[in-house]
Each structure stands twice: as structure tokens, then as C-alpha cells.
Amino acid sequence: MDLSQKIADYGADAVRFYARMAKLDYDNEVREEFVSSWIARKLFENDGLTVHVEREYTRIIRDLKNEVTSTDISSMGGWRADIAIYGPDGSPLSIIEVKICDEGDRGGTAVLRDREKINVLSKRVKIDTYLAILLTDINDTNKCADRRQCLEKKLPGSFTGDSGAIRALNGEWEWQFLAGKW
């Protein structure tokens, strides 16, 4: 199973659905919580995976049979994985952090912050980590493809799941949903 591609496909479906359902003026007004819940639902319904939404990092550490230390609490006590995927034995396998990277996040600051968060967790316990983002055009000279390339240089790494370019409901710009394992 190519989890990155599934995440990208399910994320794109979530954005399209929410934009129609809420009659949004701009597709990027979708709520991250909705996208996370939609992806989790699809991973369960279509792929039979056990998933949690907004799962605490410290709970994930505990579920991996590790003791939660005072250092864990001070470094990641309030953090939550947008989506946590669990195996048949009830232990966490991977987490997914979802972000919207649009006009308000030109440099991908929120994405880079989430990358740092998952680094802290993955240094503490063995778990697969994914980033999933809605990436939008900003203007005629700052298109998704250019923004993606710039973001991948900063991460570093690459998004292997890609919804492809999708025209926004208002027809004025494009967006894509990307996912990758880090």
C-alpha cells in the first residue's frame, strides 16, 4: 500500500467535498480538522486501518509501551498527532500531520514546525511519520510547483503522494494535496 498516495488522494477529496458542502469562496478555507477526520475515516473505511484523530504524543509513547518521562511532558506534553494509525496489536505504527500551506503560510513555516514536532517524537520512539499538506498557488509567479520545490528543499525530502493540480472552485487558481513520509 502506498500510504502517501492514499493520504494525498483522501486529502484532496476532503478539500473538494468541504468546499462544496460549505459553499466556500476559496477552497483553502477548509478546516484542517475536517481534512484530518476525512482522511482518518477513509483510511478506516477503504483500507481497514485503525485510526485516531488528535492523538496525544504522550499517549502514543505510552501505547508503544514506553514510560512517559518529565522530559517528554515538557517537550511535547500538549502536542497531538492529527492522525495516528495503529496496528492490529493495538500499537501505533505511524502519525500524520496535516497543514494548509496557502497565502498565509508563504514560506511553509507551519509545515516546517510540524516537521520539527514529528522529529521530536520519532527521536523518542520508533514510528513512521508523514506530512500532508494542501498547497496553493499564491499568484502568477508563485505557483504550486515552485512552492513545492522550495518547501522540499527546506524539509529536505520529497512528497511522494500527489493529487495533481486541481482548479479551485472559483476557477482563479490551483491547489494540490501532497503527502510524504519523513
N, C-alpha and C. Protein backbone atom coordinates (compact mmCIF):
# COMPACT_ATOMS: atom_id res chain seq x y z
N MET A 1 0.83 -1.17 0.00
CA MET A 1 0.00 0.00 0.00
C MET A 1 0.89 1.24 0.00
N ASP A 2 0.64 2.16 -0.92
CA ASP A 2 1.36 3.42 -0.96
C ASP A 2 0.59 4.42 -0.11
N LEU A 3 0.93 4.48 1.16
CA LEU A 3 0.19 5.30 2.11
C LEU A 3 0.25 6.78 1.74
N SER A 4 1.38 7.26 1.27
CA SER A 4 1.48 8.68 0.91
C SER A 4 0.48 9.05 -0.18
N GLN A 5 0.34 8.20 -1.18
CA GLN A 5 -0.60 8.50 -2.26
C GLN A 5 -2.04 8.44 -1.77
N LYS A 6 -2.34 7.48 -0.90
CA LYS A 6 -3.70 7.39 -0.34
C LYS A 6 -4.01 8.66 0.46
N ILE A 7 -3.07 9.10 1.27
CA ILE A 7 -3.27 10.31 2.06
C ILE A 7 -3.54 11.51 1.14
N ALA A 8 -2.74 11.63 0.08
CA ALA A 8 -2.92 12.74 -0.87
C ALA A 8 -4.29 12.67 -1.56
N ASP A 9 -4.69 11.49 -1.98
CA ASP A 9 -5.99 11.33 -2.64
C ASP A 9 -7.14 11.64 -1.69
N TYR A 10 -7.07 11.08 -0.48
CA TYR A 10 -8.14 11.30 0.51
C TYR A 10 -8.17 12.77 0.94
N GLY A 11 -7.01 13.39 1.06
CA GLY A 11 -6.95 14.80 1.43
C GLY A 11 -7.58 15.68 0.36
N ALA A 12 -7.29 15.39 -0.89
CA ALA A 12 -7.89 16.16 -1.99
C ALA A 12 -9.40 15.97 -2.01
N ASP A 13 -9.86 14.76 -1.78
CA ASP A 13 -11.31 14.51 -1.71
C ASP A 13 -11.95 15.34 -0.60
N ALA A 14 -11.27 15.42 0.54
CA ALA A 14 -11.79 16.18 1.68
C ALA A 14 -11.93 17.65 1.33
N VAL A 15 -10.91 18.21 0.69
CA VAL A 15 -10.95 19.64 0.33
C VAL A 15 -12.08 19.89 -0.65
N ARG A 16 -12.18 19.07 -1.69
CA ARG A 16 -13.25 19.26 -2.68
C ARG A 16 -14.63 19.16 -2.03
N PHE A 17 -14.82 18.14 -1.18
CA PHE A 17 -16.11 17.93 -0.53
C PHE A 17 -16.47 19.11 0.37
N TYR A 18 -15.54 19.52 1.21
CA TYR A 18 -15.81 20.61 2.15
C TYR A 18 -16.10 21.91 1.42
N ALA A 19 -15.36 22.18 0.37
CA ALA A 19 -15.58 23.41 -0.40
C ALA A 19 -16.99 23.46 -0.98
N ARG A 20 -17.48 22.31 -1.46
CA ARG A 20 -18.85 22.25 -1.99
C ARG A 20 -19.87 22.32 -0.84
N MET A 21 -19.63 21.53 0.21
CA MET A 21 -20.57 21.44 1.33
C MET A 21 -20.77 22.80 2.01
N ALA A 22 -19.68 23.51 2.24
CA ALA A 22 -19.74 24.79 2.95
C ALA A 22 -19.91 25.98 2.00
N LYS A 23 -19.96 25.69 0.70
CA LYS A 23 -20.08 26.74 -0.31
C LYS A 23 -19.01 27.82 -0.10
N LEU A 24 -17.78 27.35 0.00
CA LEU A 24 -16.66 28.25 0.26
C LEU A 24 -16.38 29.13 -0.95
N ASP A 25 -15.92 30.33 -0.69
CA ASP A 25 -15.45 31.20 -1.76
C ASP A 25 -14.07 30.73 -2.23
N TYR A 26 -13.28 30.22 -1.28
CA TYR A 26 -11.92 29.78 -1.58
C TYR A 26 -11.69 28.40 -0.96
N ASP A 27 -11.19 27.47 -1.77
CA ASP A 27 -11.01 26.10 -1.32
C ASP A 27 -10.10 25.99 -0.10
N ASN A 28 -9.13 26.89 0.02
CA ASN A 28 -8.18 26.82 1.13
C ASN A 28 -8.79 27.25 2.46
N GLU A 29 -10.07 27.62 2.49
CA GLU A 29 -10.75 27.92 3.75
C GLU A 29 -11.19 26.66 4.48
N VAL A 30 -10.90 25.51 3.89
CA VAL A 30 -11.24 24.24 4.53
C VAL A 30 -10.56 24.15 5.89
N ARG A 31 -11.19 23.50 6.84
CA ARG A 31 -10.64 23.33 8.18
C ARG A 31 -9.71 22.12 8.21
N GLU A 32 -8.54 22.29 8.82
CA GLU A 32 -7.60 21.17 8.95
C GLU A 32 -8.23 20.00 9.69
N GLU A 33 -9.05 20.31 10.70
CA GLU A 33 -9.69 19.25 11.47
C GLU A 33 -10.60 18.40 10.60
N PHE A 34 -11.28 19.04 9.65
CA PHE A 34 -12.15 18.30 8.74
C PHE A 34 -11.31 17.40 7.85
N VAL A 35 -10.24 17.95 7.30
CA VAL A 35 -9.37 17.17 6.42
C VAL A 35 -8.81 15.96 7.17
N SER A 36 -8.33 16.18 8.39
CA SER A 36 -7.78 15.07 9.19
C SER A 36 -8.84 14.00 9.43
N SER A 37 -10.03 14.42 9.82
CA SER A 37 -11.10 13.46 10.10
C SER A 37 -11.50 12.69 8.84
N TRP A 38 -11.54 13.38 7.72
CA TRP A 38 -11.90 12.73 6.46
C TRP A 38 -10.86 11.68 6.07
N ILE A 39 -9.58 12.07 6.16
CA ILE A 39 -8.52 11.12 5.83
C ILE A 39 -8.60 9.90 6.76
N ALA A 40 -8.77 10.14 8.05
CA ALA A 40 -8.87 9.04 9.01
C ALA A 40 -10.05 8.13 8.68
N ARG A 41 -11.18 8.73 8.37
CA ARG A 41 -12.37 7.94 8.01
C ARG A 41 -12.11 7.07 6.78
N LYS A 42 -11.49 7.64 5.77
CA LYS A 42 -11.20 6.88 4.55
C LYS A 42 -10.17 5.77 4.80
N LEU A 43 -9.16 6.04 5.63
CA LEU A 43 -8.18 5.00 5.95
C LEU A 43 -8.84 3.83 6.67
N PHE A 44 -9.86 4.12 7.47
CA PHE A 44 -10.62 3.07 8.14
C PHE A 44 -11.55 2.36 7.16
N GLU A 45 -12.40 3.12 6.48
CA GLU A 45 -13.41 2.53 5.59
C GLU A 45 -12.81 1.80 4.40
N ASN A 46 -11.85 2.43 3.73
CA ASN A 46 -11.32 1.86 2.49
C ASN A 46 -10.17 0.89 2.71
N ASP A 47 -9.40 1.10 3.79
CA ASP A 47 -8.18 0.33 3.97
C ASP A 47 -8.17 -0.52 5.24
N GLY A 48 -9.23 -0.41 6.03
CA GLY A 48 -9.36 -1.24 7.22
C GLY A 48 -8.38 -0.93 8.33
N LEU A 49 -7.82 0.28 8.33
CA LEU A 49 -6.83 0.64 9.34
C LEU A 49 -7.51 1.18 10.60
N THR A 50 -6.90 0.94 11.74
CA THR A 50 -7.35 1.52 12.99
C THR A 50 -6.72 2.90 13.12
N VAL A 51 -7.53 3.93 13.30
CA VAL A 51 -7.02 5.30 13.32
C VAL A 51 -7.61 6.09 14.47
N HIS A 52 -6.85 7.06 14.92
CA HIS A 52 -7.29 8.02 15.92
C HIS A 52 -7.04 9.41 15.37
N VAL A 53 -7.91 10.34 15.72
CA VAL A 53 -7.74 11.74 15.34
C VAL A 53 -7.37 12.52 16.59
N GLU A 54 -6.40 13.45 16.45
CA GLU A 54 -5.95 14.28 17.56
C GLU A 54 -5.45 13.41 18.73
N ARG A 55 -4.54 12.51 18.44
CA ARG A 55 -3.99 11.61 19.45
C ARG A 55 -2.77 12.25 20.09
N GLU A 56 -2.74 12.33 21.41
CA GLU A 56 -1.64 12.95 22.13
C GLU A 56 -0.33 12.20 21.91
N TYR A 57 0.74 12.94 21.70
CA TYR A 57 2.06 12.32 21.54
C TYR A 57 2.43 11.49 22.76
N THR A 58 2.11 11.99 23.96
CA THR A 58 2.46 11.23 25.17
C THR A 58 1.66 9.93 25.24
N ARG A 59 0.43 9.94 24.74
CA ARG A 59 -0.37 8.70 24.70
C ARG A 59 0.26 7.71 23.71
N ILE A 60 0.75 8.22 22.60
CA ILE A 60 1.41 7.37 21.61
C ILE A 60 2.64 6.72 22.23
N ILE A 61 3.42 7.50 22.98
CA ILE A 61 4.60 6.94 23.66
C ILE A 61 4.17 5.82 24.59
N ARG A 62 3.12 6.06 25.38
CA ARG A 62 2.60 5.05 26.31
C ARG A 62 2.10 3.82 25.55
N ASP A 63 1.37 4.04 24.46
CA ASP A 63 0.83 2.94 23.66
C ASP A 63 1.93 2.10 23.02
N LEU A 64 3.13 2.67 22.90
CA LEU A 64 4.29 1.92 22.40
C LEU A 64 5.06 1.25 23.54
N LYS A 65 4.41 1.19 24.71
CA LYS A 65 4.96 0.51 25.90
C LYS A 65 6.21 1.20 26.45
N ASN A 66 6.26 2.52 26.32
CA ASN A 66 7.35 3.32 26.88
C ASN A 66 6.80 4.15 28.03
N GLU A 67 7.65 4.42 28.98
CA GLU A 67 7.26 5.29 30.08
C GLU A 67 7.34 6.74 29.60
N VAL A 68 6.35 7.52 29.96
CA VAL A 68 6.35 8.94 29.65
C VAL A 68 7.14 9.64 30.75
N THR A 69 8.20 10.30 30.35
CA THR A 69 9.09 10.97 31.31
C THR A 69 8.69 12.44 31.48
N SER A 70 9.26 13.07 32.48
CA SER A 70 9.01 14.51 32.67
C SER A 70 9.57 15.30 31.49
N THR A 71 10.63 14.81 30.88
CA THR A 71 11.18 15.47 29.68
C THR A 71 10.18 15.38 28.53
N ASP A 72 9.54 14.22 28.38
CA ASP A 72 8.51 14.06 27.35
C ASP A 72 7.37 15.06 27.56
N ILE A 73 6.94 15.17 28.80
CA ILE A 73 5.83 16.07 29.11
C ILE A 73 6.21 17.52 28.84
N SER A 74 7.42 17.91 29.21
CA SER A 74 7.82 19.30 28.98
C SER A 74 8.10 19.58 27.51
N SER A 75 8.58 18.59 26.76
CA SER A 75 8.91 18.84 25.35
C SER A 75 7.73 18.66 24.40
N MET A 76 6.77 17.77 24.75
CA MET A 76 5.67 17.52 23.81
C MET A 76 4.35 17.23 24.49
N GLY A 77 4.22 17.65 25.73
CA GLY A 77 3.03 17.35 26.52
C GLY A 77 1.71 17.77 25.91
N GLY A 78 1.65 18.89 25.23
CA GLY A 78 0.40 19.35 24.64
C GLY A 78 0.23 19.01 23.17
N TRP A 79 1.21 18.35 22.61
CA TRP A 79 1.17 18.07 21.18
C TRP A 79 0.27 16.89 20.87
N ARG A 80 -0.38 16.98 19.70
CA ARG A 80 -1.25 15.90 19.24
C ARG A 80 -0.96 15.62 17.78
N ALA A 81 -0.97 14.35 17.45
CA ALA A 81 -0.88 13.95 16.04
C ALA A 81 -2.25 14.17 15.43
N ASP A 82 -2.30 14.78 14.27
CA ASP A 82 -3.59 14.98 13.61
C ASP A 82 -4.26 13.63 13.37
N ILE A 83 -3.47 12.64 12.94
CA ILE A 83 -3.96 11.29 12.72
C ILE A 83 -2.90 10.32 13.23
N ALA A 84 -3.32 9.30 13.94
CA ALA A 84 -2.42 8.23 14.36
C ALA A 84 -2.99 6.91 13.85
N ILE A 85 -2.14 6.14 13.19
CA ILE A 85 -2.55 4.84 12.65
C ILE A 85 -1.98 3.76 13.58
N TYR A 86 -2.85 2.83 13.96
CA TYR A 86 -2.47 1.75 14.88
C TYR A 86 -2.53 0.41 14.16
N GLY A 87 -1.69 -0.51 14.61
CA GLY A 87 -1.64 -1.84 14.04
C GLY A 87 -2.65 -2.77 14.69
N PRO A 88 -2.75 -3.99 14.17
CA PRO A 88 -3.70 -4.97 14.71
C PRO A 88 -3.45 -5.30 16.19
N ASP A 89 -2.21 -5.15 16.62
CA ASP A 89 -1.88 -5.45 18.02
C ASP A 89 -2.16 -4.27 18.95
N GLY A 90 -2.68 -3.18 18.42
CA GLY A 90 -3.02 -2.02 19.24
C GLY A 90 -1.89 -1.05 19.47
N SER A 91 -0.78 -1.23 18.79
CA SER A 91 0.33 -0.28 18.97
C SER A 91 0.41 0.68 17.77
N PRO A 92 0.83 1.92 18.04
CA PRO A 92 0.92 2.91 16.97
C PRO A 92 1.96 2.54 15.91
N LEU A 93 1.60 2.73 14.66
CA LEU A 93 2.51 2.47 13.54
C LEU A 93 3.03 3.76 12.93
N SER A 94 2.14 4.75 12.81
CA SER A 94 2.54 5.99 12.15
C SER A 94 1.61 7.13 12.55
N ILE A 95 2.13 8.34 12.33
CA ILE A 95 1.32 9.54 12.55
C ILE A 95 1.34 10.39 11.28
N ILE A 96 0.31 11.19 11.15
CA ILE A 96 0.19 12.10 10.01
C ILE A 96 -0.11 13.49 10.56
N GLU A 97 0.67 14.47 10.15
CA GLU A 97 0.41 15.87 10.49
C GLU A 97 -0.11 16.55 9.22
N VAL A 98 -1.24 17.24 9.35
CA VAL A 98 -1.92 17.87 8.23
C VAL A 98 -1.79 19.39 8.35
N LYS A 99 -1.48 20.06 7.26
CA LYS A 99 -1.35 21.51 7.25
C LYS A 99 -1.92 22.11 5.97
N ILE A 100 -2.35 23.36 6.08
CA ILE A 100 -2.76 24.14 4.92
C ILE A 100 -1.66 25.16 4.67
N CYS A 101 -1.08 25.10 3.50
CA CYS A 101 0.05 25.97 3.14
C CYS A 101 -0.42 26.87 1.99
N ASP A 102 -0.96 28.02 2.37
CA ASP A 102 -1.55 28.93 1.39
C ASP A 102 -0.91 30.32 1.50
N GLU A 103 -1.63 31.32 1.10
CA GLU A 103 -1.14 32.70 1.14
C GLU A 103 -0.62 33.10 2.53
N GLY A 104 -1.30 32.61 3.56
CA GLY A 104 -0.90 32.95 4.93
C GLY A 104 0.35 32.24 5.40
N ASP A 105 0.78 31.24 4.66
CA ASP A 105 1.98 30.48 5.04
C ASP A 105 2.90 30.37 3.83
N ARG A 106 3.31 31.51 3.33
CA ARG A 106 4.11 31.58 2.10
C ARG A 106 5.38 30.73 2.15
N GLY A 107 6.09 30.76 3.26
CA GLY A 107 7.35 30.05 3.35
C GLY A 107 7.23 28.63 3.91
N GLY A 108 6.01 28.21 4.20
CA GLY A 108 5.81 26.88 4.75
C GLY A 108 6.20 26.76 6.21
N THR A 109 6.12 27.87 6.93
CA THR A 109 6.53 27.88 8.34
C THR A 109 5.78 26.85 9.17
N ALA A 110 4.46 26.75 9.00
CA ALA A 110 3.67 25.80 9.78
C ALA A 110 4.06 24.36 9.44
N VAL A 111 4.36 24.11 8.18
CA VAL A 111 4.79 22.77 7.76
C VAL A 111 6.13 22.43 8.40
N LEU A 112 7.04 23.38 8.39
CA LEU A 112 8.36 23.16 8.98
C LEU A 112 8.25 22.96 10.50
N ARG A 113 7.34 23.67 11.15
CA ARG A 113 7.11 23.48 12.58
C ARG A 113 6.61 22.07 12.87
N ASP A 114 5.67 21.59 12.04
CA ASP A 114 5.16 20.22 12.23
C ASP A 114 6.26 19.20 11.97
N ARG A 115 7.13 19.49 11.03
CA ARG A 115 8.27 18.59 10.77
C ARG A 115 9.15 18.49 12.01
N GLU A 116 9.39 19.59 12.66
CA GLU A 116 10.19 19.58 13.89
C GLU A 116 9.48 18.80 14.99
N LYS A 117 8.17 18.97 15.10
CA LYS A 117 7.40 18.23 16.10
C LYS A 117 7.54 16.72 15.90
N ILE A 118 7.37 16.27 14.67
CA ILE A 118 7.44 14.82 14.43
C ILE A 118 8.87 14.32 14.61
N ASN A 119 9.85 15.19 14.38
CA ASN A 119 11.24 14.81 14.66
C ASN A 119 11.45 14.51 16.13
N VAL A 120 10.87 15.34 17.00
CA VAL A 120 11.00 15.13 18.44
C VAL A 120 10.41 13.78 18.82
N LEU A 121 9.23 13.47 18.30
CA LEU A 121 8.59 12.18 18.62
C LEU A 121 9.38 11.01 18.05
N SER A 122 9.81 11.11 16.79
CA SER A 122 10.49 9.98 16.17
C SER A 122 11.89 9.75 16.74
N LYS A 123 12.48 10.76 17.37
CA LYS A 123 13.75 10.54 18.08
C LYS A 123 13.51 9.79 19.38
N ARG A 124 12.32 9.96 19.93
CA ARG A 124 11.98 9.33 21.22
C ARG A 124 11.50 7.88 21.06
N VAL A 125 10.69 7.63 20.02
CA VAL A 125 10.13 6.29 19.77
C VAL A 125 10.19 5.97 18.28
N LYS A 126 10.16 4.69 17.98
CA LYS A 126 10.18 4.27 16.57
C LYS A 126 8.75 4.32 16.03
N ILE A 127 8.54 5.24 15.11
CA ILE A 127 7.22 5.40 14.49
C ILE A 127 7.40 6.08 13.14
N ASP A 128 6.62 5.67 12.16
CA ASP A 128 6.66 6.33 10.85
C ASP A 128 5.92 7.65 10.94
N THR A 129 6.45 8.67 10.26
CA THR A 129 5.84 10.00 10.32
C THR A 129 5.59 10.53 8.91
N TYR A 130 4.43 11.14 8.75
CA TYR A 130 4.02 11.68 7.46
C TYR A 130 3.60 13.14 7.60
N LEU A 131 3.87 13.91 6.56
CA LEU A 131 3.34 15.25 6.43
C LEU A 131 2.33 15.24 5.28
N ALA A 132 1.21 15.91 5.48
CA ALA A 132 0.18 16.01 4.45
C ALA A 132 -0.21 17.47 4.36
N ILE A 133 -0.15 18.04 3.17
CA ILE A 133 -0.43 19.47 3.05
C ILE A 133 -1.31 19.79 1.85
N LEU A 134 -2.15 20.79 2.07
CA LEU A 134 -2.86 21.44 0.99
C LEU A 134 -1.97 22.61 0.59
N LEU A 135 -1.46 22.59 -0.62
CA LEU A 135 -0.56 23.62 -1.12
C LEU A 135 -1.27 24.39 -2.22
N THR A 136 -1.26 25.72 -2.12
CA THR A 136 -1.98 26.54 -3.10
C THR A 136 -1.04 27.43 -3.90
N ASP A 137 -1.52 27.81 -5.08
CA ASP A 137 -0.87 28.91 -5.80
C ASP A 137 -1.02 30.16 -4.94
N ILE A 138 -0.09 31.07 -5.07
CA ILE A 138 -0.23 32.36 -4.38
C ILE A 138 -0.53 33.45 -5.40
N ASN A 139 0.21 33.45 -6.50
CA ASN A 139 -0.02 34.42 -7.57
C ASN A 139 0.57 33.82 -8.85
N ASP A 140 0.59 34.60 -9.91
CA ASP A 140 1.06 34.09 -11.20
C ASP A 140 2.52 33.65 -11.19
N THR A 141 3.31 34.21 -10.29
CA THR A 141 4.73 33.85 -10.26
C THR A 141 5.07 32.90 -9.09
N ASN A 142 4.10 32.56 -8.28
CA ASN A 142 4.32 31.69 -7.14
C ASN A 142 3.34 30.53 -7.17
N LYS A 143 3.55 29.65 -8.14
CA LYS A 143 2.65 28.53 -8.39
C LYS A 143 2.99 27.34 -7.48
N CYS A 144 2.07 26.40 -7.41
CA CYS A 144 2.24 25.21 -6.56
C CYS A 144 3.56 24.49 -6.83
N ALA A 145 3.87 24.28 -8.09
CA ALA A 145 5.09 23.52 -8.42
C ALA A 145 6.33 24.20 -7.86
N ASP A 146 6.40 25.54 -7.99
CA ASP A 146 7.55 26.28 -7.46
C ASP A 146 7.57 26.25 -5.94
N ARG A 147 6.41 26.42 -5.33
CA ARG A 147 6.32 26.39 -3.86
C ARG A 147 6.69 25.01 -3.33
N ARG A 148 6.26 23.97 -4.03
CA ARG A 148 6.58 22.61 -3.61
C ARG A 148 8.10 22.40 -3.62
N GLN A 149 8.72 22.79 -4.71
CA GLN A 149 10.17 22.63 -4.84
C GLN A 149 10.91 23.35 -3.73
N CYS A 150 10.50 24.56 -3.44
CA CYS A 150 11.12 25.35 -2.38
C CYS A 150 10.92 24.68 -1.02
N LEU A 151 9.73 24.19 -0.77
CA LEU A 151 9.42 23.55 0.50
C LEU A 151 10.21 22.25 0.67
N GLU A 152 10.32 21.46 -0.39
CA GLU A 152 11.07 20.20 -0.31
C GLU A 152 12.56 20.45 -0.05
N LYS A 153 13.09 21.57 -0.53
CA LYS A 153 14.48 21.91 -0.23
C LYS A 153 14.66 22.23 1.25
N LYS A 154 13.66 22.87 1.84
CA LYS A 154 13.73 23.24 3.25
C LYS A 154 13.53 22.04 4.18
N LEU A 155 12.81 21.03 3.74
CA LEU A 155 12.43 19.95 4.66
C LEU A 155 13.60 19.05 5.06
N PRO A 156 14.55 18.60 4.38
CA PRO A 156 14.59 18.19 2.98
C PRO A 156 13.92 16.81 2.83
N GLY A 157 13.53 16.54 1.67
CA GLY A 157 12.82 15.30 1.36
C GLY A 157 11.84 15.59 0.26
N SER A 158 11.01 14.63 -0.03
CA SER A 158 10.05 14.87 -1.10
C SER A 158 8.70 14.26 -0.77
N PHE A 159 7.69 14.88 -1.32
CA PHE A 159 6.33 14.38 -1.20
C PHE A 159 6.14 13.34 -2.31
N THR A 160 5.87 12.12 -1.94
CA THR A 160 5.68 11.06 -2.94
C THR A 160 4.22 10.87 -3.29
N GLY A 161 3.33 11.37 -2.44
CA GLY A 161 1.90 11.35 -2.76
C GLY A 161 1.48 12.70 -3.28
N ASP A 162 0.76 12.72 -4.40
CA ASP A 162 0.43 13.98 -5.08
C ASP A 162 -0.92 13.84 -5.77
N SER A 163 -1.86 14.71 -5.42
CA SER A 163 -3.19 14.67 -6.04
C SER A 163 -3.18 15.20 -7.46
N GLY A 164 -2.10 15.86 -7.84
CA GLY A 164 -2.08 16.57 -9.11
C GLY A 164 -2.73 17.93 -8.93
N ALA A 165 -2.56 18.80 -9.90
CA ALA A 165 -3.12 20.15 -9.83
C ALA A 165 -4.64 20.09 -9.94
N ILE A 166 -5.30 20.83 -9.06
CA ILE A 166 -6.76 20.88 -9.04
C ILE A 166 -7.17 22.36 -9.11
N ARG A 167 -8.06 22.66 -10.04
CA ARG A 167 -8.54 24.04 -10.21
C ARG A 167 -9.50 24.35 -9.05
N ALA A 168 -9.28 25.48 -8.38
CA ALA A 168 -10.15 25.91 -7.29
C ALA A 168 -11.56 26.13 -7.80
N LEU A 169 -12.53 26.01 -6.91
CA LEU A 169 -13.94 26.17 -7.31
C LEU A 169 -14.19 27.50 -8.01
N ASN A 170 -13.54 28.56 -7.57
CA ASN A 170 -13.75 29.86 -8.20
C ASN A 170 -13.02 29.98 -9.54
N GLY A 171 -12.20 28.99 -9.89
CA GLY A 171 -11.52 28.95 -11.18
C GLY A 171 -10.33 29.87 -11.33
N GLU A 172 -9.99 30.60 -10.26
CA GLU A 172 -8.94 31.60 -10.37
C GLU A 172 -7.53 31.08 -10.13
N TRP A 173 -7.39 29.94 -9.46
CA TRP A 173 -6.08 29.43 -9.10
C TRP A 173 -6.14 27.92 -8.94
N GLU A 174 -4.98 27.31 -8.67
CA GLU A 174 -4.92 25.86 -8.49
C GLU A 174 -4.34 25.52 -7.13
N TRP A 175 -4.60 24.29 -6.71
CA TRP A 175 -4.04 23.76 -5.49
C TRP A 175 -3.74 22.27 -5.72
N GLN A 176 -2.98 21.71 -4.82
CA GLN A 176 -2.74 20.27 -4.84
C GLN A 176 -2.60 19.78 -3.42
N PHE A 177 -2.86 18.51 -3.23
CA PHE A 177 -2.69 17.92 -1.91
C PHE A 177 -1.50 16.97 -2.01
N LEU A 178 -0.55 17.17 -1.10
CA LEU A 178 0.70 16.41 -1.11
C LEU A 178 0.85 15.64 0.19
N ALA A 179 1.53 14.50 0.13
CA ALA A 179 1.84 13.74 1.34
C ALA A 179 3.17 13.03 1.14
N GLY A 180 3.89 12.90 2.22
CA GLY A 180 5.18 12.20 2.16
C GLY A 180 5.60 11.70 3.52
N LYS A 181 6.42 10.68 3.49
CA LYS A 181 6.94 10.07 4.71
C LYS A 181 8.27 10.72 5.05
N TRP A 182 8.41 11.13 6.30
CA TRP A 182 9.66 11.73 6.76
C TRP A 182 10.22 10.97 7.92
